[in-house]
PDB file of N, CA and C in Angstrom:
ATOM      1  N   MET A   1      18.313  -5.487   4.748  1.00  0.00           N
ATOM      2  CA  MET A   1      17.350  -5.724   3.706  1.00  0.00           C
ATOM      3  C   MET A   1      15.921  -5.681   4.235  1.00  0.00           C
ATOM      4  N   ALA A   2      15.725  -6.297   5.397  1.00  0.00           N
ATOM      5  CA  ALA A   2      14.386  -6.312   5.969  1.00  0.00           C
ATOM      6  C   ALA A   2      13.946  -4.909   6.381  1.00  0.00           C
ATOM      7  N   ASN A   3      14.870  -4.100   6.881  1.00  0.00           N
ATOM      8  CA  ASN A   3      14.524  -2.727   7.260  1.00  0.00           C
ATOM      9  C   ASN A   3      14.099  -1.911   6.050  1.00  0.00           C
ATOM     10  N   THR A   4      14.734  -2.135   4.934  1.00  0.00           N
ATOM     11  CA  THR A   4      14.365  -1.431   3.703  1.00  0.00           C
ATOM     12  C   THR A   4      12.950  -1.810   3.281  1.00  0.00           C
ATOM     13  N   LEU A   5      12.624  -3.085   3.385  1.00  0.00           N
ATOM     14  CA  LEU A   5      11.270  -3.535   3.040  1.00  0.00           C
ATOM     15  C   LEU A   5      10.231  -2.944   3.983  1.00  0.00           C
ATOM     16  N   PHE A   6      10.570  -2.836   5.267  1.00  0.00           N
ATOM     17  CA  PHE A   6       9.650  -2.220   6.221  1.00  0.00           C
ATOM     18  C   PHE A   6       9.420  -0.747   5.896  1.00  0.00           C
ATOM     19  N   ILE A   7      10.460  -0.048   5.512  1.00  0.00           N
ATOM     20  CA  ILE A   7      10.327   1.369   5.159  1.00  0.00           C
ATOM     21  C   ILE A   7       9.472   1.531   3.907  1.00  0.00           C
ATOM     22  N   ILE A   8       9.692   0.671   2.915  1.00  0.00           N
ATOM     23  CA  ILE A   8       8.885   0.734   1.689  1.00  0.00           C
ATOM     24  C   ILE A   8       7.426   0.411   1.993  1.00  0.00           C
ATOM     25  N   ALA A   9       7.183  -0.605   2.809  1.00  0.00           N
ATOM     26  CA  ALA A   9       5.810  -0.965   3.171  1.00  0.00           C
ATOM     27  C   ALA A   9       5.132   0.169   3.941  1.00  0.00           C
ATOM     28  N   GLY A  10       5.861   0.808   4.839  1.00  0.00           N
ATOM     29  CA  GLY A  10       5.305   1.936   5.584  1.00  0.00           C
ATOM     30  C   GLY A  10       4.972   3.108   4.678  1.00  0.00           C
ATOM     31  N   ALA A  11       5.823   3.375   3.707  1.00  0.00           N
ATOM     32  CA  ALA A  11       5.564   4.470   2.764  1.00  0.00           C
ATOM     33  C   ALA A  11       4.340   4.175   1.907  1.00  0.00           C
ATOM     34  N   ILE A  12       4.220   2.942   1.440  1.00  0.00           N
ATOM     35  CA  ILE A  12       3.037   2.564   0.652  1.00  0.00           C
ATOM     36  C   ILE A  12       1.780   2.674   1.491  1.00  0.00           C
ATOM     37  N   MET A  13       1.866   2.294   2.763  1.00  0.00           N
ATOM     38  CA  MET A  13       0.722   2.388   3.656  1.00  0.00           C
ATOM     39  C   MET A  13       0.299   3.845   3.868  1.00  0.00           C
ATOM     40  N   LEU A  14       1.260   4.729   4.045  1.00  0.00           N
ATOM     41  CA  LEU A  14       0.940   6.143   4.232  1.00  0.00           C
ATOM     42  C   LEU A  14       0.315   6.760   2.983  1.00  0.00           C
ATOM     43  N   VAL A  15       0.829   6.398   1.815  1.00  0.00           N
ATOM     44  CA  VAL A  15       0.266   6.915   0.567  1.00  0.00           C
ATOM     45  C   VAL A  15      -1.163   6.418   0.383  1.00  0.00           C
ATOM     46  N   SER A  16      -1.405   5.150   0.676  1.00  0.00           N
ATOM     47  CA  SER A  16      -2.765   4.617   0.530  1.00  0.00           C
ATOM     48  C   SER A  16      -3.720   5.236   1.544  1.00  0.00           C
ATOM     49  N   MET A  17      -3.239   5.552   2.745  1.00  0.00           N
ATOM     50  CA  MET A  17      -4.086   6.237   3.717  1.00  0.00           C
ATOM     51  C   MET A  17      -4.429   7.650   3.246  1.00  0.00           C
ATOM     52  N   LEU A  18      -3.479   8.309   2.610  1.00  0.00           N
ATOM     53  CA  LEU A  18      -3.740   9.637   2.062  1.00  0.00           C
ATOM     54  C   LEU A  18      -4.781   9.577   0.951  1.00  0.00           C
ATOM     55  N   ILE A  19      -4.686   8.587   0.088  1.00  0.00           N
ATOM     56  CA  ILE A  19      -5.669   8.425  -0.984  1.00  0.00           C
ATOM     57  C   ILE A  19      -7.054   8.140  -0.409  1.00  0.00           C
ATOM     58  N   ALA A  20      -7.136   7.295   0.604  1.00  0.00           N
ATOM     59  CA  ALA A  20      -8.424   7.009   1.235  1.00  0.00           C
ATOM     60  C   ALA A  20      -8.987   8.247   1.926  1.00  0.00           C
ATOM     61  N   PHE A  21      -8.120   9.048   2.536  1.00  0.00           N
ATOM     62  CA  PHE A  21      -8.585  10.274   3.182  1.00  0.00           C
ATOM     63  C   PHE A  21      -9.145  11.258   2.162  1.00  0.00           C
ATOM     64  N   ILE A  22      -8.497  11.333   1.013  1.00  0.00           N
ATOM     65  CA  ILE A  22      -9.013  12.197  -0.052  1.00  0.00           C
ATOM     66  C   ILE A  22     -10.378  11.697  -0.512  1.00  0.00           C
ATOM     67  N   ARG A  23     -10.557  10.366  -0.575  1.00  0.00           N
ATOM     68  CA  ARG A  23     -11.849   9.808  -0.968  1.00  0.00           C
ATOM     69  C   ARG A  23     -12.922  10.108   0.084  1.00  0.00           C
ATOM     70  N   ILE A  24     -12.535  10.159   1.330  1.00  0.00           N
ATOM     71  CA  ILE A  24     -13.505  10.508   2.375  1.00  0.00           C
ATOM     72  C   ILE A  24     -13.981  11.941   2.188  1.00  0.00           C
ATOM     73  N   ILE A  25     -13.079  12.833   1.858  1.00  0.00           N
ATOM     74  CA  ILE A  25     -13.440  14.243   1.687  1.00  0.00           C
ATOM     75  C   ILE A  25     -14.240  14.467   0.407  1.00  0.00           C
ATOM     76  N   VAL A  26     -13.810  13.852  -0.702  1.00  0.00           N
ATOM     77  CA  VAL A  26     -14.378  14.146  -2.013  1.00  0.00           C
ATOM     78  C   VAL A  26     -15.530  13.200  -2.377  1.00  0.00           C
ATOM     79  N   GLY A  27     -15.675  12.094  -1.667  1.00  0.00           N
ATOM     80  CA  GLY A  27     -16.648  11.072  -2.033  1.00  0.00           C
ATOM     81  C   GLY A  27     -18.019  11.614  -2.375  1.00  0.00           C
ATOM     82  N   PRO A  28     -18.607  11.134  -3.491  1.00  0.00           N
ATOM     83  CA  PRO A  28     -19.883  11.705  -3.913  1.00  0.00           C
ATOM     84  C   PRO A  28     -21.059  11.368  -2.993  1.00  0.00           C
ATOM     85  N   ASP A  29     -21.044  10.232  -2.349  1.00  0.00           N
ATOM     86  CA  ASP A  29     -22.162   9.912  -1.456  1.00  0.00           C
ATOM     87  C   ASP A  29     -21.648   9.220  -0.192  1.00  0.00           C
ATOM     88  N   LEU A  30     -22.581   8.912   0.682  1.00  0.00           N
ATOM     89  CA  LEU A  30     -22.224   8.355   1.988  1.00  0.00           C
ATOM     90  C   LEU A  30     -21.592   6.974   1.862  1.00  0.00           C
ATOM     91  N   GLY A  31     -22.051   6.184   0.916  1.00  0.00           N
ATOM     92  CA  GLY A  31     -21.501   4.837   0.743  1.00  0.00           C
ATOM     93  C   GLY A  31     -20.017   4.850   0.418  1.00  0.00           C
ATOM     94  N   ASP A  32     -19.608   5.753  -0.473  1.00  0.00           N
ATOM     95  CA  ASP A  32     -18.183   5.863  -0.813  1.00  0.00           C
ATOM     96  C   ASP A  32     -17.365   6.295   0.391  1.00  0.00           C
ATOM     97  N   ARG A  33     -17.903   7.184   1.168  1.00  0.00           N
ATOM     98  CA  ARG A  33     -17.172   7.656   2.356  1.00  0.00           C
ATOM     99  C   ARG A  33     -17.026   6.557   3.397  1.00  0.00           C
ATOM    100  N   VAL A  34     -18.074   5.752   3.567  1.00  0.00           N
ATOM    101  CA  VAL A  34     -18.009   4.661   4.545  1.00  0.00           C
ATOM    102  C   VAL A  34     -16.994   3.618   4.111  1.00  0.00           C
ATOM    103  N   VAL A  35     -16.975   3.278   2.827  1.00  0.00           N
ATOM    104  CA  VAL A  35     -16.012   2.299   2.329  1.00  0.00           C
ATOM    105  C   VAL A  35     -14.584   2.832   2.480  1.00  0.00           C
ATOM    106  N   ALA A  36     -14.381   4.113   2.185  1.00  0.00           N
ATOM    107  CA  ALA A  36     -13.046   4.706   2.338  1.00  0.00           C
ATOM    108  C   ALA A  36     -12.630   4.730   3.807  1.00  0.00           C
ATOM    109  N   LEU A  37     -13.569   5.035   4.695  1.00  0.00           N
ATOM    110  CA  LEU A  37     -13.246   5.030   6.126  1.00  0.00           C
ATOM    111  C   LEU A  37     -12.909   3.630   6.608  1.00  0.00           C
ATOM    112  N   ASP A  38     -13.634   2.628   6.115  1.00  0.00           N
ATOM    113  CA  ASP A  38     -13.343   1.250   6.492  1.00  0.00           C
ATOM    114  C   ASP A  38     -11.973   0.835   5.960  1.00  0.00           C
ATOM    115  N   ALA A  39     -11.650   1.226   4.739  1.00  0.00           N
ATOM    116  CA  ALA A  39     -10.324   0.912   4.190  1.00  0.00           C
ATOM    117  C   ALA A  39      -9.231   1.606   4.999  1.00  0.00           C
ATOM    118  N   MET A  40      -9.491   2.841   5.405  1.00  0.00           N
ATOM    119  CA  MET A  40      -8.514   3.575   6.210  1.00  0.00           C
ATOM    120  C   MET A  40      -8.335   2.927   7.585  1.00  0.00           C
ATOM    121  N   THR A  41      -9.404   2.384   8.123  1.00  0.00           N
ATOM    122  CA  THR A  41      -9.310   1.681   9.400  1.00  0.00           C
ATOM    123  C   THR A  41      -8.464   0.423   9.265  1.00  0.00           C
ATOM    124  N   ILE A  42      -8.646  -0.306   8.175  1.00  0.00           N
ATOM    125  CA  ILE A  42      -7.846  -1.506   7.956  1.00  0.00           C
ATOM    126  C   ILE A  42      -6.371  -1.137   7.809  1.00  0.00           C
ATOM    127  N   MET A  43      -6.112  -0.037   7.118  1.00  0.00           N
ATOM    128  CA  MET A  43      -4.719   0.406   6.982  1.00  0.00           C
ATOM    129  C   MET A  43      -4.144   0.851   8.327  1.00  0.00           C
ATOM    130  N   ALA A  44      -4.964   1.467   9.160  1.00  0.00           N
ATOM    131  CA  ALA A  44      -4.492   1.861  10.495  1.00  0.00           C
ATOM    132  C   ALA A  44      -4.214   0.627  11.347  1.00  0.00           C
ATOM    133  N   LEU A  45      -5.031  -0.403  11.204  1.00  0.00           N
ATOM    134  CA  LEU A  45      -4.785  -1.653  11.929  1.00  0.00           C
ATOM    135  C   LEU A  45      -3.459  -2.276  11.499  1.00  0.00           C
ATOM    136  N   SER A  46      -3.195  -2.245  10.208  1.00  0.00           N
ATOM    137  CA  SER A  46      -1.916  -2.794   9.752  1.00  0.00           C
ATOM    138  C   SER A  46      -0.744  -1.922  10.216  1.00  0.00           C
ATOM    139  N   ALA A  47      -0.970  -0.615  10.321  1.00  0.00           N
ATOM    140  CA  ALA A  47       0.087   0.263  10.833  1.00  0.00           C
ATOM    141  C   ALA A  47       0.359  -0.019  12.310  1.00  0.00           C
ATOM    142  N   ILE A  48      -0.685  -0.290  13.072  1.00  0.00           N
ATOM    143  CA  ILE A  48      -0.493  -0.628  14.490  1.00  0.00           C
ATOM    144  C   ILE A  48       0.262  -1.952  14.618  1.00  0.00           C
ATOM    145  N   ALA A  49      -0.100  -2.942  13.790  1.00  0.00           N
ATOM    146  CA  ALA A  49       0.617  -4.222  13.818  1.00  0.00           C
ATOM    147  C   ALA A  49       2.073  -4.039  13.380  1.00  0.00           C
ATOM    148  N   PHE A  50       2.290  -3.163  12.405  1.00  0.00           N
ATOM    149  CA  PHE A  50       3.641  -2.844  11.943  1.00  0.00           C
ATOM    150  C   PHE A  50       4.460  -2.235  13.082  1.00  0.00           C
ATOM    151  N   LEU A  51       3.869  -1.303  13.805  1.00  0.00           N
ATOM    152  CA  LEU A  51       4.573  -0.690  14.935  1.00  0.00           C
ATOM    153  C   LEU A  51       4.810  -1.684  16.063  1.00  0.00           C
ATOM    154  N   ALA A  52       3.852  -2.592  16.276  1.00  0.00           N
ATOM    155  CA  ALA A  52       4.030  -3.608  17.313  1.00  0.00           C
ATOM    156  C   ALA A  52       5.238  -4.482  16.997  1.00  0.00           C
ATOM    157  N   HIS A  53       5.381  -4.824  15.738  1.00  0.00           N
ATOM    158  CA  HIS A  53       6.545  -5.633  15.354  1.00  0.00           C
ATOM    159  C   HIS A  53       7.831  -4.826  15.433  1.00  0.00           C
ATOM    160  N   LEU A  54       7.766  -3.601  14.963  1.00  0.00           N
ATOM    161  CA  LEU A  54       8.966  -2.761  14.924  1.00  0.00           C
ATOM    162  C   LEU A  54       9.477  -2.435  16.328  1.00  0.00           C
ATOM    163  N   LEU A  55       8.559  -2.169  17.261  1.00  0.00           N
ATOM    164  CA  LEU A  55       8.948  -1.798  18.617  1.00  0.00           C
ATOM    165  C   LEU A  55       9.051  -2.996  19.564  1.00  0.00           C
ATOM    166  N   GLY A  56       8.594  -4.162  19.112  1.00  0.00           N
ATOM    167  CA  GLY A  56       8.658  -5.355  19.949  1.00  0.00           C
ATOM    168  C   GLY A  56       7.654  -5.353  21.087  1.00  0.00           C
ATOM    169  N   ARG A  57       6.512  -4.697  20.900  1.00  0.00           N
ATOM    170  CA  ARG A  57       5.473  -4.620  21.926  1.00  0.00           C
ATOM    171  C   ARG A  57       4.264  -5.436  21.500  1.00  0.00           C
ATOM    172  N   VAL A  58       3.990  -6.513  22.205  1.00  0.00           N
ATOM    173  CA  VAL A  58       2.865  -7.376  21.857  1.00  0.00           C
ATOM    174  C   VAL A  58       1.543  -6.738  22.274  1.00  0.00           C
ATOM    175  N   ILE A  59       1.545  -5.869  23.248  1.00  0.00           N
ATOM    176  CA  ILE A  59       0.318  -5.263  23.757  1.00  0.00           C
ATOM    177  C   ILE A  59      -0.370  -4.418  22.689  1.00  0.00           C
ATOM    178  N   TYR A  60       0.390  -3.911  21.726  1.00  0.00           N
ATOM    179  CA  TYR A  60      -0.205  -3.107  20.658  1.00  0.00           C
ATOM    180  C   TYR A  60      -1.130  -3.947  19.778  1.00  0.00           C
ATOM    181  N   LEU A  61      -0.897  -5.244  19.725  1.00  0.00           N
ATOM    182  CA  LEU A  61      -1.780  -6.111  18.956  1.00  0.00           C
ATOM    183  C   LEU A  61      -3.154  -6.202  19.609  1.00  0.00           C
ATOM    184  N   ASP A  62      -3.204  -6.129  20.935  1.00  0.00           N
ATOM    185  CA  ASP A  62      -4.489  -6.091  21.629  1.00  0.00           C
ATOM    186  C   ASP A  62      -5.238  -4.802  21.305  1.00  0.00           C
ATOM    187  N   VAL A  63      -4.506  -3.707  21.241  1.00  0.00           N
ATOM    188  CA  VAL A  63      -5.109  -2.424  20.874  1.00  0.00           C
ATOM    189  C   VAL A  63      -5.670  -2.500  19.464  1.00  0.00           C
ATOM    190  N   ALA A  64      -4.937  -3.114  18.546  1.00  0.00           N
ATOM    191  CA  ALA A  64      -5.402  -3.260  17.167  1.00  0.00           C
ATOM    192  C   ALA A  64      -6.653  -4.127  17.096  1.00  0.00           C
ATOM    193  N   LEU A  65      -6.708  -5.165  17.906  1.00  0.00           N
ATOM    194  CA  LEU A  65      -7.875  -6.043  17.923  1.00  0.00           C
ATOM    195  C   LEU A  65      -9.119  -5.309  18.409  1.00  0.00           C
ATOM    196  N   VAL A  66      -8.994  -4.557  19.473  1.00  0.00           N
ATOM    197  CA  VAL A  66     -10.133  -3.795  19.993  1.00  0.00           C
ATOM    198  C   VAL A  66     -10.561  -2.722  19.000  1.00  0.00           C
ATOM    199  N   TYR A  67      -9.599  -2.058  18.387  1.00  0.00           N
ATOM    200  CA  TYR A  67      -9.902  -1.032  17.384  1.00  0.00           C
ATOM    201  C   TYR A  67     -10.631  -1.644  16.190  1.00  0.00           C
ATOM    202  N   GLY A  68     -10.222  -2.820  15.768  1.00  0.00           N
ATOM    203  CA  GLY A  68     -10.885  -3.509  14.665  1.00  0.00           C
ATOM    204  C   GLY A  68     -12.319  -3.894  15.003  1.00  0.00           C
ATOM    205  N   LEU A  69     -12.549  -4.361  16.218  1.00  0.00           N
ATOM    206  CA  LEU A  69     -13.907  -4.722  16.633  1.00  0.00           C
ATOM    207  C   LEU A  69     -14.819  -3.505  16.700  1.00  0.00           C
ATOM    208  N   ILE A  70     -14.325  -2.410  17.231  1.00  0.00           N
ATOM    209  CA  ILE A  70     -15.124  -1.185  17.307  1.00  0.00           C
ATOM    210  C   ILE A  70     -15.405  -0.649  15.911  1.00  0.00           C
ATOM    211  N   SER A  71     -14.429  -0.731  15.030  1.00  0.00           N
ATOM    212  CA  SER A  71     -14.626  -0.280  13.654  1.00  0.00           C
ATOM    213  C   SER A  71     -15.673  -1.135  12.949  1.00  0.00           C
ATOM    214  N   PHE A  72     -15.617  -2.435  13.158  1.00  0.00           N
ATOM    215  CA  PHE A  72     -16.604  -3.326  12.549  1.00  0.00           C
ATOM    216  C   PHE A  72     -18.014  -2.978  13.006  1.00  0.00           C
ATOM    217  N   LEU A  73     -18.179  -2.751  14.288  1.00  0.00           N
ATOM    218  CA  LEU A  73     -19.501  -2.392  14.804  1.00  0.00           C
ATOM    219  C   LEU A  73     -19.970  -1.053  14.241  1.00  0.00           C
ATOM    220  N   GLY A  74     -19.060  -0.117  14.067  1.00  0.00           N
ATOM    221  CA  GLY A  74     -19.414   1.173  13.490  1.00  0.00           C
ATOM    222  C   GLY A  74     -19.862   1.056  12.047  1.00  0.00           C
ATOM    223  N   VAL A  75     -19.165   0.242  11.263  1.00  0.00           N
ATOM    224  CA  VAL A  75     -19.547   0.051   9.865  1.00  0.00           C
ATOM    225  C   VAL A  75     -20.901  -0.645   9.772  1.00  0.00           C
ATOM    226  N   ILE A  76     -21.152  -1.602  10.633  1.00  0.00           N
ATOM    227  CA  ILE A  76     -22.451  -2.286  10.647  1.00  0.00           C
ATOM    228  C   ILE A  76     -23.560  -1.297  11.008  1.00  0.00           C
ATOM    229  N   ALA A  77     -23.312  -0.422  11.967  1.00  0.00           N
ATOM    230  CA  ALA A  77     -24.322   0.564  12.355  1.00  0.00           C
ATOM    231  C   ALA A  77     -24.621   1.533  11.211  1.00  0.00           C
ATOM    232  N   VAL A  78     -23.590   1.987  10.520  1.00  0.00           N
ATOM    233  CA  VAL A  78     -23.800   2.909   9.396  1.00  0.00           C
ATOM    234  C   VAL A  78     -24.514   2.204   8.255  1.00  0.00           C
ATOM    235  N   ALA A  79     -24.164   0.952   7.988  1.00  0.00           N
ATOM    236  CA  ALA A  79     -24.845   0.200   6.934  1.00  0.00           C
ATOM    237  C   ALA A  79     -26.319  -0.007   7.262  1.00  0.00           C
ATOM    238  N   ARG A  80     -26.610  -0.257   8.505  1.00  0.00           N
ATOM    239  CA  ARG A  80     -28.002  -0.428   8.903  1.00  0.00           C
ATOM    240  C   ARG A  80     -28.759   0.908   8.778  1.00  0.00           C
ATOM    241  N   TYR A  81     -28.121   1.987   9.131  1.00  0.00           N
ATOM    242  CA  TYR A  81     -28.732   3.305   8.986  1.00  0.00           C
ATOM    243  C   TYR A  81     -28.995   3.623   7.521  1.00  0.00           C
ATOM    244  N   MET A  82     -28.033   3.301   6.665  1.00  0.00           N
ATOM    245  CA  MET A  82     -28.204   3.583   5.235  1.00  0.00           C
ATOM    246  C   MET A  82     -29.309   2.729   4.623  1.00  0.00           C
ATOM    247  N   GLU A  83     -29.497   1.524   5.145  1.00  0.00           N
ATOM    248  CA  GLU A  83     -30.487   0.614   4.585  1.00  0.00           C
ATOM    249  C   GLU A  83     -31.904   1.038   4.902  1.00  0.00           C
ATOM    250  N   ARG A  84     -32.186   1.282   6.172  1.00  0.00           N
ATOM    251  CA  ARG A  84     -33.557   1.639   6.554  1.00  0.00           C
ATOM    252  C   ARG A  84     -33.653   2.473   7.813  1.00  0.00           C
ATOM    253  N   GLY A  85     -32.586   2.992   8.251  1.00  0.00           N
ATOM    254  CA  GLY A  85     -32.611   3.826   9.455  1.00  0.00           C
ATOM    255  C   GLY A  85     -32.488   3.008  10.703  1.00  0.00           C
ATOM    256  N   LEU A  86     -32.072   3.664  11.785  1.00  0.00           N
ATOM    257  CA  LEU A  86     -31.928   2.980  13.062  1.00  0.00           C
ATOM    258  C   LEU A  86     -33.269   2.967  13.701  1.00  0.00           C
TER     259      LEU A  86
END
C-alpha cells in the first residue's frame, strides 16, 4: 500500500514539474518565470527527499539542503535585480 502511494506521489510530482516547466517557457514576464522556477526547485527538493527515503540514503538530504539554500539565494538575487538592479 505504501509503495502505491509513493508511486502516485511521484507521478503527481512529475506532472507538476512539467506544468511549472511549461510556465517557465511560456511565462509572459520575468516574475512569472522566477516564481515557476522557484516552484520547480521546491518540487526538485521534494523529489530528492523522496529518493533519499526510497533508497535509504541520508546523505541525499544534505544535498537537498544545500540545493535549497543556493536556490533561495538565487531567488533573492533575481528579486533584487527586478526591484532596482544589482
